[in-house]
Amino acid sequence: MDNRFNTAGLSLKPLSQRKSKLSVNDLVLPKFLHPSVAGAAAECAARYLAEKIREAKETDRKVILFMGAHLIKLGLTRYITDLILNGYIDHVATNGACAIHDFELNTHGETSEDVQTYIDNGQFGLWEETSNLNEVVAAAYQGGINCAEPYSPGAGHSIGTWLYHNEGASPETSIFAACHKMNVPITVHILIGGDINHSHPNFDAAAWGVCSYNDFLIFAESLKGLHKGGVFLNVGSAVHGPEIFLKALSMVRNVSLCEQFTTGVFDFADLPSSWRDFEPHPATPLYYFRPWKTLLMRTSKGGHSEYVGGNFTNTIPLLWGTINGLGDFDGDN
């Protein structure tokens, strides 16, 4: 007896019937914001990270970004694509939500639904065109199986290639297309059941599992480039980024040296100013904020960590501006 939910009975509706909260036309054009907007602590941390990113570029060390989907939902995509297109980022790692929002923005022109509105009537996430994302990954998986010389397709590479060549997605508005254009690895690290396309009838768990696992191995290989001067940025990923980084880093350190790099965390959590001096106590809520103890404390090994706290609409333009040397950061705007 099959005791599983039968997805064949689900009713998917076209995206044209969904009210979305973000249009591709809403994506903010990169612009200079005075550092005071983000606050003194964030400015100091961003200055340090920007300097280390520039140094990494000069010494052929890797700059790796692990990002959550909130950056896209806030309309900040162009800040990330600008850094990719100008050679400041060597690897982008994402969760499944990033893939969905980037895909919808660059195929439908809109993304981000109101959860409360659509969960009430059982329509949340059940949209026809988003299912095409599953088709892209399934095709890549089958191509890997059927190829005369089998290869290991990654979900991120497959999505980026499809968006760039099949949809003509602009590298300015699509992080995946930007990575494809610049031959920068982009990896998608999924939590099965955690993304809306997983509930669709055409979701192929084997295809996504293999392709996302290949992405995990690609991510681990990239971490080797952090040794002695690389930079790892975790932006808005409270669970995926720290946990996947932790396991991949242990794999790398099992076979080679990977130390003396810089770690930067961007998030909203209000950490104490003395966060460098101790790990949070297990009895406190911040103990479960993984970026603190995992990325800022436990994994640096001879390197240095910085925390940039605050709203991403302030801190991401700050990082972008400092990397590009915009504004008078020692005086008035």
C-alpha atoms as a PDB file:
ATOM      1  CA  MET A   1       0.000   0.000   0.000  1.00  0.00           C
ATOM      2  CA  ASP A   2       1.367   3.412  -1.008  1.00  0.00           C
ATOM      3  CA  ASN A   3       1.013   5.782   1.944  1.00  0.00           C
ATOM      4  CA  ARG A   4       2.561   8.770   0.137  1.00  0.00           C
ATOM      5  CA  PHE A   5       0.723  11.936  -0.867  1.00  0.00           C
ATOM      6  CA  ASN A   6      -0.303  11.781  -4.529  1.00  0.00           C
ATOM      7  CA  THR A   7       0.927  14.964  -6.202  1.00  0.00           C
ATOM      8  CA  ALA A   8      -0.849  14.082  -9.456  1.00  0.00           C
ATOM      9  CA  GLY A   9      -4.077  15.452  -8.007  1.00  0.00           C
ATOM     10  CA  LEU A  10      -2.680  18.928  -7.363  1.00  0.00           C
ATOM     11  CA  SER A  11      -4.090  21.879  -9.287  1.00  0.00           C
ATOM     12  CA  LEU A  12      -1.443  24.289 -10.585  1.00  0.00           C
ATOM     13  CA  LYS A  13      -2.431  27.705 -11.845  1.00  0.00           C
ATOM     14  CA  PRO A  14      -0.623  30.019 -14.283  1.00  0.00           C
ATOM     15  CA  LEU A  15       1.656  32.685 -12.849  1.00  0.00           C
ATOM     16  CA  SER A  16      -0.464  35.286 -14.615  1.00  0.00           C
ATOM     17  CA  GLN A  17      -3.098  34.667 -11.934  1.00  0.00           C
ATOM     18  CA  ARG A  18      -0.668  35.256  -9.075  1.00  0.00           C
ATOM     19  CA  LYS A  19      -0.084  38.642  -7.526  1.00  0.00           C
ATOM     20  CA  SER A  20       3.684  38.963  -7.088  1.00  0.00           C
ATOM     21  CA  LYS A  21       5.512  41.427  -4.863  1.00  0.00           C
ATOM     22  CA  LEU A  22       8.663  41.996  -6.949  1.00  0.00           C
ATOM     23  CA  SER A  23       9.060  42.868 -10.621  1.00  0.00           C
ATOM     24  CA  VAL A  24      12.284  42.652 -12.601  1.00  0.00           C
ATOM     25  CA  ASN A  25      11.806  46.393 -13.139  1.00  0.00           C
ATOM     26  CA  ASP A  26      12.030  46.896  -9.356  1.00  0.00           C
ATOM     27  CA  LEU A  27      15.639  45.690  -9.182  1.00  0.00           C
ATOM     28  CA  VAL A  28      17.712  48.527  -7.752  1.00  0.00           C
ATOM     29  CA  LEU A  29      20.471  49.979  -9.894  1.00  0.00           C
ATOM     30  CA  PRO A  30      23.761  49.910  -7.950  1.00  0.00           C
ATOM     31  CA  LYS A  31      24.441  53.268  -6.378  1.00  0.00           C
ATOM     32  CA  PHE A  32      26.655  54.806  -3.722  1.00  0.00           C
ATOM     33  CA  LEU A  33      25.245  55.156  -0.231  1.00  0.00           C
ATOM     34  CA  HIS A  34      27.162  57.073   2.403  1.00  0.00           C
ATOM     35  CA  PRO A  35      28.677  54.638   4.939  1.00  0.00           C
ATOM     36  CA  SER A  36      26.941  56.420   7.827  1.00  0.00           C
ATOM     37  CA  VAL A  37      23.652  54.895   6.629  1.00  0.00           C
ATOM     38  CA  ALA A  38      24.815  51.457   7.763  1.00  0.00           C
ATOM     39  CA  GLY A  39      26.496  52.582  10.994  1.00  0.00           C
ATOM     40  CA  ALA A  40      30.078  52.768  12.191  1.00  0.00           C
ATOM     41  CA  ALA A  41      30.502  49.072  13.062  1.00  0.00           C
ATOM     42  CA  ALA A  42      29.157  47.901   9.705  1.00  0.00           C
ATOM     43  CA  GLU A  43      31.299  50.443   7.863  1.00  0.00           C
ATOM     44  CA  CYS A  44      34.460  49.274   9.609  1.00  0.00           C
ATOM     45  CA  ALA A  45      33.715  45.610   8.891  1.00  0.00           C
ATOM     46  CA  ALA A  46      32.801  46.298   5.258  1.00  0.00           C
ATOM     47  CA  ARG A  47      36.022  48.285   4.738  1.00  0.00           C
ATOM     48  CA  TYR A  48      38.062  45.334   5.968  1.00  0.00           C
ATOM     49  CA  LEU A  49      36.190  42.825   3.799  1.00  0.00           C
ATOM     50  CA  ALA A  50      36.452  45.023   0.706  1.00  0.00           C
ATOM     51  CA  GLU A  51      40.207  45.325   1.191  1.00  0.00           C
ATOM     52  CA  LYS A  52      40.577  41.561   1.557  1.00  0.00           C
ATOM     53  CA  ILE A  53      38.447  40.935  -1.534  1.00  0.00           C
ATOM     54  CA  ARG A  54      40.655  43.242  -3.582  1.00  0.00           C
ATOM     55  CA  GLU A  55      43.759  41.541  -2.187  1.00  0.00           C
ATOM     56  CA  ALA A  56      42.325  38.130  -3.042  1.00  0.00           C
ATOM     57  CA  LYS A  57      41.888  39.232  -6.635  1.00  0.00           C
ATOM     58  CA  GLU A  58      45.504  40.404  -6.782  1.00  0.00           C
ATOM     59  CA  THR A  59      46.844  37.116  -5.368  1.00  0.00           C
ATOM     60  CA  ASP A  60      44.551  34.750  -7.306  1.00  0.00           C
ATOM     61  CA  ARG A  61      42.727  33.586  -4.180  1.00  0.00           C
ATOM     62  CA  LYS A  62      38.999  32.842  -4.319  1.00  0.00           C
ATOM     63  CA  VAL A  63      36.117  35.000  -3.162  1.00  0.00           C
ATOM     64  CA  ILE A  64      33.103  32.792  -2.475  1.00  0.00           C
ATOM     65  CA  LEU A  65      29.591  34.052  -1.756  1.00  0.00           C
ATOM     66  CA  PHE A  66      26.913  31.955  -0.065  1.00  0.00           C
ATOM     67  CA  MET A  67      23.630  33.873  -0.274  1.00  0.00           C
ATOM     68  CA  GLY A  68      20.061  33.481   0.865  1.00  0.00           C
ATOM     69  CA  ALA A  69      17.076  34.504  -1.244  1.00  0.00           C
ATOM     70  CA  HIS A  70      16.327  37.631   0.780  1.00  0.00           C
ATOM     71  CA  LEU A  71      18.830  39.587  -1.307  1.00  0.00           C
ATOM     72  CA  ILE A  72      16.809  38.910  -4.441  1.00  0.00           C
ATOM     73  CA  LYS A  73      13.478  39.602  -2.743  1.00  0.00           C
ATOM     74  CA  LEU A  74      14.780  43.005  -1.627  1.00  0.00           C
ATOM     75  CA  GLY A  75      15.623  43.896  -5.213  1.00  0.00           C
ATOM     76  CA  LEU A  76      19.404  43.792  -4.697  1.00  0.00           C
ATOM     77  CA  THR A  77      20.240  41.404  -7.535  1.00  0.00           C
ATOM     78  CA  ARG A  78      22.115  44.027  -9.585  1.00  0.00           C
ATOM     79  CA  TYR A  79      24.622  44.636  -6.791  1.00  0.00           C
ATOM     80  CA  ILE A  80      25.567  40.953  -6.869  1.00  0.00           C
ATOM     81  CA  THR A  81      25.627  40.646 -10.660  1.00  0.00           C
ATOM     82  CA  ASP A  82      27.789  43.770 -10.914  1.00  0.00           C
ATOM     83  CA  LEU A  83      30.371  42.195  -8.583  1.00  0.00           C
ATOM     84  CA  ILE A  84      30.261  38.963 -10.590  1.00  0.00           C
ATOM     85  CA  LEU A  85      30.582  40.698 -13.963  1.00  0.00           C
ATOM     86  CA  ASN A  86      33.511  42.769 -12.716  1.00  0.00           C
ATOM     87  CA  GLY A  87      35.419  39.730 -11.507  1.00  0.00           C
ATOM     88  CA  TYR A  88      35.119  40.151  -7.745  1.00  0.00           C
ATOM     89  CA  ILE A  89      33.274  36.881  -7.051  1.00  0.00           C
ATOM     90  CA  ASP A  90      34.613  33.450  -8.024  1.00  0.00           C
ATOM     91  CA  HIS A  91      31.791  31.214  -6.801  1.00  0.00           C
ATOM     92  CA  VAL A  92      28.149  31.806  -5.853  1.00  0.00           C
ATOM     93  CA  ALA A  93      26.374  29.254  -3.663  1.00  0.00           C
ATOM     94  CA  THR A  94      22.625  29.501  -3.152  1.00  0.00           C
ATOM     95  CA  ASN A  95      19.652  27.720  -1.664  1.00  0.00           C
ATOM     96  CA  GLY A  96      16.709  26.510  -3.720  1.00  0.00           C
ATOM     97  CA  ALA A  97      14.714  29.686  -3.101  1.00  0.00           C
ATOM     98  CA  CYS A  98      17.364  31.767  -4.896  1.00  0.00           C
ATOM     99  CA  ALA A  99      17.008  29.558  -7.954  1.00  0.00           C
ATOM    100  CA  ILE A 100      13.228  29.949  -7.929  1.00  0.00           C
ATOM    101  CA  HIS A 101      13.211  33.739  -7.549  1.00  0.00           C
ATOM    102  CA  ASP A 102      15.947  34.242 -10.156  1.00  0.00           C
ATOM    103  CA  PHE A 103      14.159  31.865 -12.521  1.00  0.00           C
ATOM    104  CA  GLU A 104      10.738  33.488 -12.109  1.00  0.00           C
ATOM    105  CA  LEU A 105      12.113  37.015 -12.425  1.00  0.00           C
ATOM    106  CA  ASN A 106      13.875  36.215 -15.674  1.00  0.00           C
ATOM    107  CA  THR A 107      11.170  34.081 -17.280  1.00  0.00           C
ATOM    108  CA  HIS A 108       7.937  35.583 -15.913  1.00  0.00           C
ATOM    109  CA  GLY A 109       9.204  39.060 -15.002  1.00  0.00           C
ATOM    110  CA  GLU A 110       7.901  38.851 -11.432  1.00  0.00           C
ATOM    111  CA  THR A 111       8.454  36.786  -8.296  1.00  0.00           C
ATOM    112  CA  SER A 112       7.675  36.548  -4.562  1.00  0.00           C
ATOM    113  CA  GLU A 113       4.115  35.712  -3.585  1.00  0.00           C
ATOM    114  CA  ASP A 114       2.156  36.631  -0.466  1.00  0.00           C
ATOM    115  CA  VAL A 115       2.243  33.476   1.649  1.00  0.00           C
ATOM    116  CA  GLN A 116      -0.776  34.351   3.780  1.00  0.00           C
ATOM    117  CA  THR A 117      -2.958  34.986   0.753  1.00  0.00           C
ATOM    118  CA  TYR A 118      -2.212  31.736  -1.036  1.00  0.00           C
ATOM    119  CA  ILE A 119      -1.705  29.299   1.855  1.00  0.00           C
ATOM    120  CA  ASP A 120      -5.257  29.943   3.034  1.00  0.00           C
ATOM    121  CA  ASN A 121      -6.713  28.355  -0.105  1.00  0.00           C
ATOM    122  CA  GLY A 122      -3.958  25.823  -0.747  1.00  0.00           C
ATOM    123  CA  GLN A 123      -2.453  27.579  -3.751  1.00  0.00           C
ATOM    124  CA  PHE A 124       0.857  28.692  -2.255  1.00  0.00           C
ATOM    125  CA  GLY A 125       3.734  27.707  -4.528  1.00  0.00           C
ATOM    126  CA  LEU A 126       1.584  25.792  -6.986  1.00  0.00           C
ATOM    127  CA  TRP A 127       2.252  27.682 -10.227  1.00  0.00           C
ATOM    128  CA  GLU A 128       2.581  26.128 -13.643  1.00  0.00           C
ATOM    129  CA  GLU A 129       5.537  28.016 -15.109  1.00  0.00           C
ATOM    130  CA  THR A 130       7.726  27.476 -12.041  1.00  0.00           C
ATOM    131  CA  SER A 131       7.550  23.758 -12.858  1.00  0.00           C
ATOM    132  CA  ASN A 132       9.816  24.483 -15.832  1.00  0.00           C
ATOM    133  CA  LEU A 133      12.677  24.755 -13.352  1.00  0.00           C
ATOM    134  CA  ASN A 134      12.186  21.052 -12.610  1.00  0.00           C
ATOM    135  CA  GLU A 135      12.290  20.268 -16.329  1.00  0.00           C
ATOM    136  CA  VAL A 136      15.615  22.067 -16.718  1.00  0.00           C
ATOM    137  CA  VAL A 137      17.279  20.055 -13.949  1.00  0.00           C
ATOM    138  CA  ALA A 138      15.689  16.771 -15.059  1.00  0.00           C
ATOM    139  CA  ALA A 139      16.984  17.303 -18.597  1.00  0.00           C
ATOM    140  CA  ALA A 140      20.495  17.974 -17.302  1.00  0.00           C
ATOM    141  CA  TYR A 141      20.341  14.835 -15.173  1.00  0.00           C
ATOM    142  CA  GLN A 142      19.178  12.692 -18.094  1.00  0.00           C
ATOM    143  CA  GLY A 143      21.856  14.226 -20.292  1.00  0.00           C
ATOM    144  CA  GLY A 144      24.466  13.143 -17.792  1.00  0.00           C
ATOM    145  CA  ILE A 145      23.148   9.588 -17.802  1.00  0.00           C
ATOM    146  CA  ASN A 146      22.759   9.264 -21.566  1.00  0.00           C
ATOM    147  CA  CYS A 147      25.934  11.047 -22.624  1.00  0.00           C
ATOM    148  CA  ALA A 148      28.485   8.812 -24.377  1.00  0.00           C
ATOM    149  CA  GLU A 149      31.026  10.095 -21.868  1.00  0.00           C
ATOM    150  CA  PRO A 150      28.885  10.678 -18.746  1.00  0.00           C
ATOM    151  CA  TYR A 151      29.450  13.919 -16.900  1.00  0.00           C
ATOM    152  CA  SER A 152      28.199  15.201 -13.551  1.00  0.00           C
ATOM    153  CA  PRO A 153      25.713  18.016 -14.131  1.00  0.00           C
ATOM    154  CA  GLY A 154      25.237  20.595 -11.423  1.00  0.00           C
ATOM    155  CA  ALA A 155      21.862  22.221 -10.826  1.00  0.00           C
ATOM    156  CA  GLY A 156      23.302  25.735 -10.789  1.00  0.00           C
ATOM    157  CA  HIS A 157      25.225  25.358 -14.038  1.00  0.00           C
ATOM    158  CA  SER A 158      22.199  23.793 -15.744  1.00  0.00           C
ATOM    159  CA  ILE A 159      19.878  26.617 -14.669  1.00  0.00           C
ATOM    160  CA  GLY A 160      22.346  29.338 -15.601  1.00  0.00           C
ATOM    161  CA  THR A 161      22.984  27.827 -19.026  1.00  0.00           C
ATOM    162  CA  TRP A 162      19.261  27.471 -19.743  1.00  0.00           C
ATOM    163  CA  LEU A 163      18.382  30.990 -18.619  1.00  0.00           C
ATOM    164  CA  TYR A 164      21.194  32.558 -20.621  1.00  0.00           C
ATOM    165  CA  HIS A 165      20.717  30.620 -23.861  1.00  0.00           C
ATOM    166  CA  ASN A 166      17.037  29.644 -23.885  1.00  0.00           C
ATOM    167  CA  GLU A 167      15.482  32.672 -22.204  1.00  0.00           C
ATOM    168  CA  GLY A 168      18.079  35.282 -23.119  1.00  0.00           C
ATOM    169  CA  ALA A 169      18.217  36.297 -19.471  1.00  0.00           C
ATOM    170  CA  SER A 170      20.256  39.431 -18.895  1.00  0.00           C
ATOM    171  CA  PRO A 171      23.428  38.913 -16.824  1.00  0.00           C
ATOM    172  CA  GLU A 172      22.544  42.194 -15.107  1.00  0.00           C
ATOM    173  CA  THR A 173      19.189  40.903 -13.792  1.00  0.00           C
ATOM    174  CA  SER A 174      19.998  37.208 -13.357  1.00  0.00           C
ATOM    175  CA  ILE A 175      22.671  35.990 -10.955  1.00  0.00           C
ATOM    176  CA  PHE A 176      22.618  32.612 -12.705  1.00  0.00           C
ATOM    177  CA  ALA A 177      23.047  34.175 -16.158  1.00  0.00           C
ATOM    178  CA  ALA A 178      25.849  36.409 -14.862  1.00  0.00           C
ATOM    179  CA  CYS A 179      27.708  33.391 -13.515  1.00  0.00           C
ATOM    180  CA  HIS A 180      27.236  31.573 -16.815  1.00  0.00           C
ATOM    181  CA  LYS A 181      28.573  34.526 -18.799  1.00  0.00           C
ATOM    182  CA  MET A 182      31.638  34.847 -16.575  1.00  0.00           C
ATOM    183  CA  ASN A 183      32.207  31.088 -16.229  1.00  0.00           C
ATOM    184  CA  VAL A 184      31.804  31.444 -12.471  1.00  0.00           C
ATOM    185  CA  PRO A 185      30.519  28.310 -10.688  1.00  0.00           C
ATOM    186  CA  ILE A 186      27.044  28.727  -9.191  1.00  0.00           C
ATOM    187  CA  THR A 187      25.748  25.938  -6.977  1.00  0.00           C
ATOM    188  CA  VAL A 188      22.271  25.198  -5.631  1.00  0.00           C
ATOM    189  CA  HIS A 189      22.027  23.459  -2.269  1.00  0.00           C
ATOM    190  CA  ILE A 190      18.480  22.243  -1.737  1.00  0.00           C
ATOM    191  CA  LEU A 191      16.494  21.020   1.250  1.00  0.00           C
ATOM    192  CA  ILE A 192      14.038  18.544  -0.270  1.00  0.00           C
ATOM    193  CA  GLY A 193      10.531  19.644   0.607  1.00  0.00           C
ATOM    194  CA  GLY A 194      11.708  23.139   1.444  1.00  0.00           C
ATOM    195  CA  ASP A 195      11.038  24.840  -1.894  1.00  0.00           C
ATOM    196  CA  ILE A 196       7.793  25.357  -3.797  1.00  0.00           C
ATOM    197  CA  ASN A 197       8.884  23.448  -6.915  1.00  0.00           C
ATOM    198  CA  HIS A 198       9.366  20.303  -4.793  1.00  0.00           C
ATOM    199  CA  SER A 199       5.606  19.996  -4.386  1.00  0.00           C
ATOM    200  CA  HIS A 200       4.957  20.003  -8.134  1.00  0.00           C
ATOM    201  CA  PRO A 201       3.984  16.743  -9.851  1.00  0.00           C
ATOM    202  CA  ASN A 202       6.997  16.920 -12.196  1.00  0.00           C
ATOM    203  CA  PHE A 203       9.571  17.190  -9.387  1.00  0.00           C
ATOM    204  CA  ASP A 204      12.220  14.511  -9.948  1.00  0.00           C
ATOM    205  CA  ALA A 205      13.889  13.860  -6.613  1.00  0.00           C
ATOM    206  CA  ALA A 206      16.600  11.722  -8.174  1.00  0.00           C
ATOM    207  CA  ALA A 207      17.507  14.433 -10.678  1.00  0.00           C
ATOM    208  CA  TRP A 208      17.567  17.214  -8.115  1.00  0.00           C
ATOM    209  CA  GLY A 209      19.353  15.041  -5.564  1.00  0.00           C
ATOM    210  CA  VAL A 210      22.175  14.115  -7.921  1.00  0.00           C
ATOM    211  CA  CYS A 211      22.536  17.605  -9.381  1.00  0.00           C
ATOM    212  CA  SER A 212      22.493  19.315  -5.986  1.00  0.00           C
ATOM    213  CA  TYR A 213      24.960  16.780  -4.592  1.00  0.00           C
ATOM    214  CA  ASN A 214      27.253  17.465  -7.546  1.00  0.00           C
ATOM    215  CA  ASP A 215      26.940  21.145  -6.631  1.00  0.00           C
ATOM    216  CA  PHE A 216      28.001  20.325  -3.078  1.00  0.00           C
ATOM    217  CA  LEU A 217      31.157  18.669  -4.405  1.00  0.00           C
ATOM    218  CA  ILE A 218      31.814  21.614  -6.745  1.00  0.00           C
ATOM    219  CA  PHE A 219      31.415  23.927  -3.742  1.00  0.00           C
ATOM    220  CA  ALA A 220      33.862  21.861  -1.689  1.00  0.00           C
ATOM    221  CA  GLU A 221      36.420  21.976  -4.508  1.00  0.00           C
ATOM    222  CA  SER A 222      36.097  25.769  -4.667  1.00  0.00           C
ATOM    223  CA  LEU A 223      36.857  26.063  -0.952  1.00  0.00           C
ATOM    224  CA  LYS A 224      40.408  24.896  -1.654  1.00  0.00           C
ATOM    225  CA  GLY A 225      40.989  28.323  -3.172  1.00  0.00           C
ATOM    226  CA  LEU A 226      40.413  30.046   0.178  1.00  0.00           C
ATOM    227  CA  HIS A 227      43.765  28.907   1.585  1.00  0.00           C
ATOM    228  CA  LYS A 228      46.048  31.816   2.493  1.00  0.00           C
ATOM    229  CA  GLY A 229      44.101  34.864   1.435  1.00  0.00           C
ATOM    230  CA  GLY A 230      40.655  33.891   0.163  1.00  0.00           C
ATOM    231  CA  VAL A 231      37.364  35.390   1.343  1.00  0.00           C
ATOM    232  CA  PHE A 232      34.143  33.576   2.223  1.00  0.00           C
ATOM    233  CA  LEU A 233      30.996  35.714   2.492  1.00  0.00           C
ATOM    234  CA  ASN A 234      27.809  34.388   4.031  1.00  0.00           C
ATOM    235  CA  VAL A 235      24.952  36.781   3.302  1.00  0.00           C
ATOM    236  CA  GLY A 236      21.520  36.121   4.737  1.00  0.00           C
ATOM    237  CA  SER A 237      21.832  32.358   5.127  1.00  0.00           C
ATOM    238  CA  ALA A 238      21.310  31.419   8.752  1.00  0.00           C
ATOM    239  CA  VAL A 239      21.309  27.632   8.273  1.00  0.00           C
ATOM    240  CA  HIS A 240      22.270  26.461   4.767  1.00  0.00           C
ATOM    241  CA  GLY A 241      25.438  28.533   4.463  1.00  0.00           C
ATOM    242  CA  PRO A 242      27.038  27.727   7.821  1.00  0.00           C
ATOM    243  CA  GLU A 243      26.128  24.028   7.817  1.00  0.00           C
ATOM    244  CA  ILE A 244      27.138  23.283   4.228  1.00  0.00           C
ATOM    245  CA  PHE A 245      30.342  25.303   4.621  1.00  0.00           C
ATOM    246  CA  LEU A 246      31.193  23.397   7.828  1.00  0.00           C
ATOM    247  CA  LYS A 247      30.918  19.961   6.212  1.00  0.00           C
ATOM    248  CA  ALA A 248      32.645  20.961   2.979  1.00  0.00           C
ATOM    249  CA  LEU A 249      35.496  22.659   4.843  1.00  0.00           C
ATOM    250  CA  SER A 250      36.087  19.549   6.933  1.00  0.00           C
ATOM    251  CA  MET A 251      36.318  17.488   3.737  1.00  0.00           C
ATOM    252  CA  VAL A 252      38.862  19.915   2.275  1.00  0.00           C
ATOM    253  CA  ARG A 253      40.944  20.022   5.443  1.00  0.00           C
ATOM    254  CA  ASN A 254      40.963  16.225   5.513  1.00  0.00           C
ATOM    255  CA  VAL A 255      43.009  16.171   2.298  1.00  0.00           C
ATOM    256  CA  SER A 256      44.773  19.555   2.164  1.00  0.00           C
ATOM    257  CA  LEU A 257      45.425  22.825   3.982  1.00  0.00           C
ATOM    258  CA  CYS A 258      42.652  25.415   4.094  1.00  0.00           C
ATOM    259  CA  GLU A 259      43.305  28.166   6.604  1.00  0.00           C
ATOM    260  CA  GLN A 260      44.293  31.836   6.949  1.00  0.00           C
ATOM    261  CA  PHE A 261      41.295  33.139   5.027  1.00  0.00           C
ATOM    262  CA  THR A 262      38.729  35.831   5.811  1.00  0.00           C
ATOM    263  CA  THR A 263      35.119  35.133   6.716  1.00  0.00           C
ATOM    264  CA  GLY A 264      32.428  37.784   6.467  1.00  0.00           C
ATOM    265  CA  VAL A 265      28.859  37.390   7.710  1.00  0.00           C
ATOM    266  CA  PHE A 266      26.049  39.766   6.726  1.00  0.00           C
ATOM    267  CA  ASP A 267      22.826  39.386   8.688  1.00  0.00           C
ATOM    268  CA  PHE A 268      20.183  41.063  10.828  1.00  0.00           C
ATOM    269  CA  ALA A 269      21.022  39.463  14.192  1.00  0.00           C
ATOM    270  CA  ASP A 270      22.021  41.899  16.918  1.00  0.00           C
ATOM    271  CA  LEU A 271      25.318  40.430  18.121  1.00  0.00           C
ATOM    272  CA  PRO A 272      27.086  41.878  21.154  1.00  0.00           C
ATOM    273  CA  SER A 273      30.068  44.078  20.365  1.00  0.00           C
ATOM    274  CA  SER A 274      32.263  41.518  22.159  1.00  0.00           C
ATOM    275  CA  TRP A 275      31.182  38.598  19.908  1.00  0.00           C
ATOM    276  CA  ARG A 276      34.824  37.726  19.191  1.00  0.00           C
ATOM    277  CA  ASP A 277      35.502  36.918  22.841  1.00  0.00           C
ATOM    278  CA  PHE A 278      33.096  34.038  23.476  1.00  0.00           C
ATOM    279  CA  GLU A 279      30.617  31.633  21.950  1.00  0.00           C
ATOM    280  CA  PRO A 280      26.959  32.176  22.846  1.00  0.00           C
ATOM    281  CA  HIS A 281      25.662  30.072  25.731  1.00  0.00           C
ATOM    282  CA  PRO A 282      23.411  27.134  24.753  1.00  0.00           C
ATOM    283  CA  ALA A 283      20.678  28.557  26.978  1.00  0.00           C
ATOM    284  CA  THR A 284      20.438  31.735  24.876  1.00  0.00           C
ATOM    285  CA  PRO A 285      18.662  32.154  21.518  1.00  0.00           C
ATOM    286  CA  LEU A 286      21.812  33.415  19.753  1.00  0.00           C
ATOM    287  CA  TYR A 287      23.457  30.021  20.338  1.00  0.00           C
ATOM    288  CA  TYR A 288      21.218  28.788  17.526  1.00  0.00           C
ATOM    289  CA  PHE A 289      22.289  31.566  15.172  1.00  0.00           C
ATOM    290  CA  ARG A 290      24.771  29.340  13.356  1.00  0.00           C
ATOM    291  CA  PRO A 291      26.776  32.041  11.550  1.00  0.00           C
ATOM    292  CA  TRP A 292      28.164  33.298  14.871  1.00  0.00           C
ATOM    293  CA  LYS A 293      29.657  30.142  16.289  1.00  0.00           C
ATOM    294  CA  THR A 294      30.242  28.276  13.011  1.00  0.00           C
ATOM    295  CA  LEU A 295      31.523  30.954  10.627  1.00  0.00           C
ATOM    296  CA  LEU A 296      32.803  33.706  12.883  1.00  0.00           C
ATOM    297  CA  MET A 297      34.330  31.559  15.608  1.00  0.00           C
ATOM    298  CA  ARG A 298      35.016  27.906  14.852  1.00  0.00           C
ATOM    299  CA  THR A 299      36.263  27.661  11.282  1.00  0.00           C
ATOM    300  CA  SER A 300      38.616  30.606  10.693  1.00  0.00           C
ATOM    301  CA  LYS A 301      41.818  28.789  11.842  1.00  0.00           C
ATOM    302  CA  GLY A 302      44.450  31.475  11.651  1.00  0.00           C
ATOM    303  CA  GLY A 303      42.273  33.784   9.626  1.00  0.00           C
ATOM    304  CA  HIS A 304      39.996  36.690  10.450  1.00  0.00           C
ATOM    305  CA  SER A 305      36.229  37.183  10.688  1.00  0.00           C
ATOM    306  CA  GLU A 306      33.977  40.227  10.366  1.00  0.00           C
ATOM    307  CA  TYR A 307      30.287  40.674  11.105  1.00  0.00           C
ATOM    308  CA  VAL A 308      28.280  43.245   9.141  1.00  0.00           C
ATOM    309  CA  GLY A 309      24.982  43.652  10.939  1.00  0.00           C
ATOM    310  CA  GLY A 310      21.997  45.530   9.591  1.00  0.00           C
ATOM    311  CA  ASN A 311      19.464  45.770   6.807  1.00  0.00           C
ATOM    312  CA  PHE A 312      20.800  44.420   3.516  1.00  0.00           C
ATOM    313  CA  THR A 313      19.461  47.462   1.676  1.00  0.00           C
ATOM    314  CA  ASN A 314      22.164  49.397   3.543  1.00  0.00           C
ATOM    315  CA  THR A 315      24.955  46.864   4.021  1.00  0.00           C
ATOM    316  CA  ILE A 316      25.100  45.381   0.508  1.00  0.00           C
ATOM    317  CA  PRO A 317      25.425  48.812  -1.177  1.00  0.00           C
ATOM    318  CA  LEU A 318      28.064  49.594   1.453  1.00  0.00           C
ATOM    319  CA  LEU A 319      30.122  46.528   0.521  1.00  0.00           C
ATOM    320  CA  TRP A 320      29.650  47.173  -3.197  1.00  0.00           C
ATOM    321  CA  GLY A 321      30.684  50.804  -2.781  1.00  0.00           C
ATOM    322  CA  THR A 322      33.788  50.056  -0.731  1.00  0.00           C
ATOM    323  CA  ILE A 323      34.943  47.350  -3.143  1.00  0.00           C
ATOM    324  CA  ASN A 324      34.582  49.807  -6.017  1.00  0.00           C
ATOM    325  CA  GLY A 325      36.226  52.636  -4.087  1.00  0.00           C
ATOM    326  CA  LEU A 326      33.213  54.927  -4.382  1.00  0.00           C
ATOM    327  CA  GLY A 327      32.708  57.954  -2.124  1.00  0.00           C
ATOM    328  CA  ASP A 328      34.918  59.704   0.386  1.00  0.00           C
ATOM    329  CA  PHE A 329      34.948  57.199   3.205  1.00  0.00           C
ATOM    330  CA  ASP A 330      37.100  59.370   5.422  1.00  0.00           C
ATOM    331  CA  GLY A 331      35.000  62.502   5.239  1.00  0.00           C
ATOM    332  CA  ASP A 332      31.705  63.853   4.050  1.00  0.00           C
ATOM    333  CA  ASN A 333      29.806  62.513   1.066  1.00  0.00           C
END
